[in-house]
């Protein structure tokens, strides 16, 4: 691990079934394009009817764990995929800026890839 990076950027952090549940729930929250907020400001309200990627992940984390954990592995998996996709782009907030500069299908593809990665890690770590 690169000692200059914070521990939450370590891609070898242990993953749990709750991480998978968070990602699956976020995808469910965004299951229809009409539920997607394409203009994220990182302010999430439980009464929202449209959800950005960030707010869907936050809501799913709270529903799954009872609290929001910003650097949870599920959320970091999404961020790592976005880092790769936004390589060379200038951004301030990974989740918000990706959400606001991409199409709905891109959001769903990131969630699908994150789900796949967490499933693979769970299978590898718990044969």
Protein backbone atom coordinates (compact mmCIF):
# COMPACT_ATOMS: atom_id res chain seq x y z
CA UNK A 1 0.00 0.00 0.00
CA UNK A 2 1.17 3.51 -0.78
CA UNK A 3 1.95 5.12 2.59
CA UNK A 4 0.95 8.55 1.29
CA UNK A 5 -2.67 7.46 0.74
CA UNK A 6 -5.26 7.42 3.53
CA UNK A 7 -6.26 3.95 4.75
CA UNK A 8 -9.71 4.17 3.11
CA UNK A 9 -8.00 4.33 -0.30
CA UNK A 10 -6.55 0.85 0.34
CA UNK A 11 -8.23 -1.41 -2.21
CA UNK A 12 -7.54 -4.46 -0.04
CA UNK A 13 -9.93 -3.45 2.75
CA UNK A 14 -12.13 -6.34 3.84
CA UNK A 15 -15.52 -6.43 2.15
CA UNK A 16 -18.75 -7.66 3.77
CA UNK A 17 -22.22 -8.77 2.74
CA UNK A 18 -23.46 -5.37 3.89
CA UNK A 19 -21.32 -3.72 1.19
CA UNK A 20 -23.11 -5.79 -1.42
CA UNK A 21 -26.49 -4.96 0.14
CA UNK A 22 -25.67 -1.23 0.00
CA UNK A 23 -24.83 -1.39 -3.70
CA UNK A 24 -27.87 -3.49 -4.57
CA UNK A 25 -30.13 -1.10 -2.65
CA UNK A 26 -28.58 1.95 -4.35
CA UNK A 27 -29.26 0.35 -7.73
CA UNK A 28 -32.85 -0.34 -6.64
CA UNK A 29 -33.26 3.32 -5.59
CA UNK A 30 -32.05 4.34 -9.07
CA UNK A 31 -33.92 1.54 -10.87
CA UNK A 32 -35.65 3.95 -13.22
CA UNK A 33 -34.23 7.01 -14.96
CA UNK A 34 -37.13 9.10 -13.63
CA UNK A 35 -35.74 8.52 -10.12
CA UNK A 36 -32.30 9.89 -11.00
CA UNK A 37 -31.24 13.43 -10.08
CA UNK A 38 -28.69 14.46 -12.70
CA UNK A 39 -27.87 17.71 -10.88
CA UNK A 40 -26.26 16.63 -7.61
CA UNK A 41 -25.33 19.22 -4.98
CA UNK A 42 -24.44 16.61 -2.30
CA UNK A 43 -27.45 17.65 -0.21
CA UNK A 44 -29.64 14.63 0.40
CA UNK A 45 -33.06 14.65 2.06
CA UNK A 46 -35.02 11.57 2.98
CA UNK A 47 -38.10 13.11 1.33
CA UNK A 48 -36.36 13.36 -2.06
CA UNK A 49 -38.12 11.67 -4.96
CA UNK A 50 -35.07 11.84 -7.24
CA UNK A 51 -31.64 10.64 -6.17
CA UNK A 52 -28.15 11.37 -7.39
CA UNK A 53 -25.58 8.58 -7.27
CA UNK A 54 -24.15 10.04 -4.05
CA UNK A 55 -27.56 10.40 -2.37
CA UNK A 56 -28.67 6.92 -3.46
CA UNK A 57 -25.49 5.46 -1.94
CA UNK A 58 -25.95 7.51 1.22
CA UNK A 59 -29.61 6.45 1.57
CA UNK A 60 -28.73 2.80 0.91
CA UNK A 61 -25.94 2.92 3.50
CA UNK A 62 -28.24 4.37 6.16
CA UNK A 63 -30.99 1.86 5.38
CA UNK A 64 -28.51 -1.03 5.54
CA UNK A 65 -26.29 -0.01 8.47
CA UNK A 66 -28.43 2.49 10.38
CA UNK A 67 -25.83 5.20 9.78
CA UNK A 68 -23.89 6.79 6.95
CA UNK A 69 -20.24 5.76 6.67
CA UNK A 70 -18.63 7.92 3.99
CA UNK A 71 -15.63 5.67 3.32
CA UNK A 72 -17.42 2.32 3.47
CA UNK A 73 -15.91 -0.23 1.06
CA UNK A 74 -19.09 -0.27 -1.08
CA UNK A 75 -18.80 3.47 -1.65
CA UNK A 76 -15.07 3.28 -2.21
CA UNK A 77 -15.53 0.63 -4.91
CA UNK A 78 -17.78 3.08 -6.75
CA UNK A 79 -15.22 5.86 -6.28
CA UNK A 80 -12.35 3.70 -7.59
CA UNK A 81 -14.28 2.86 -10.75
CA UNK A 82 -15.13 6.53 -11.22
CA UNK A 83 -11.45 7.48 -10.72
CA UNK A 84 -10.56 5.25 -13.65
CA UNK A 85 -13.41 6.53 -15.82
CA UNK A 86 -12.60 10.18 -15.07
CA UNK A 87 -8.84 9.79 -15.47
CA UNK A 88 -7.43 13.03 -16.83
CA UNK A 89 -10.56 15.01 -15.99
CA UNK A 90 -10.55 17.75 -13.39
CA UNK A 91 -13.08 17.15 -10.62
CA UNK A 92 -13.71 18.31 -7.09
CA UNK A 93 -16.03 15.55 -5.80
CA UNK A 94 -15.84 12.19 -7.52
CA UNK A 95 -19.41 11.04 -7.02
CA UNK A 96 -21.06 14.42 -7.59
CA UNK A 97 -19.02 15.40 -10.62
CA UNK A 98 -19.40 12.00 -12.26
CA UNK A 99 -23.15 12.09 -11.62
CA UNK A 100 -23.46 15.59 -13.09
CA UNK A 101 -21.41 14.99 -16.23
CA UNK A 102 -22.63 11.56 -17.31
CA UNK A 103 -25.80 9.86 -18.51
CA UNK A 104 -28.12 7.63 -16.48
CA UNK A 105 -26.73 4.48 -18.14
CA UNK A 106 -23.22 5.45 -16.99
CA UNK A 107 -24.46 5.64 -13.39
CA UNK A 108 -26.08 2.21 -13.62
CA UNK A 109 -22.98 0.74 -15.30
CA UNK A 110 -20.81 1.97 -12.41
CA UNK A 111 -23.19 0.40 -9.90
CA UNK A 112 -23.24 -2.87 -11.88
CA UNK A 113 -19.44 -2.97 -12.01
CA UNK A 114 -19.22 -2.21 -8.28
CA UNK A 115 -21.71 -4.99 -7.49
CA UNK A 116 -19.70 -7.41 -9.62
CA UNK A 117 -16.44 -6.48 -7.89
CA UNK A 118 -17.90 -6.83 -4.39
CA UNK A 119 -19.53 -10.17 -5.30
CA UNK A 120 -16.19 -11.44 -6.65
CA UNK A 121 -14.35 -10.30 -3.54
CA UNK A 122 -16.93 -11.96 -1.28
CA UNK A 123 -16.65 -15.23 -3.22
CA UNK A 124 -12.84 -15.08 -3.17
CA UNK A 125 -12.65 -14.31 0.54
CA UNK A 126 -15.38 -16.77 1.57
CA UNK A 127 -15.10 -19.84 -0.66
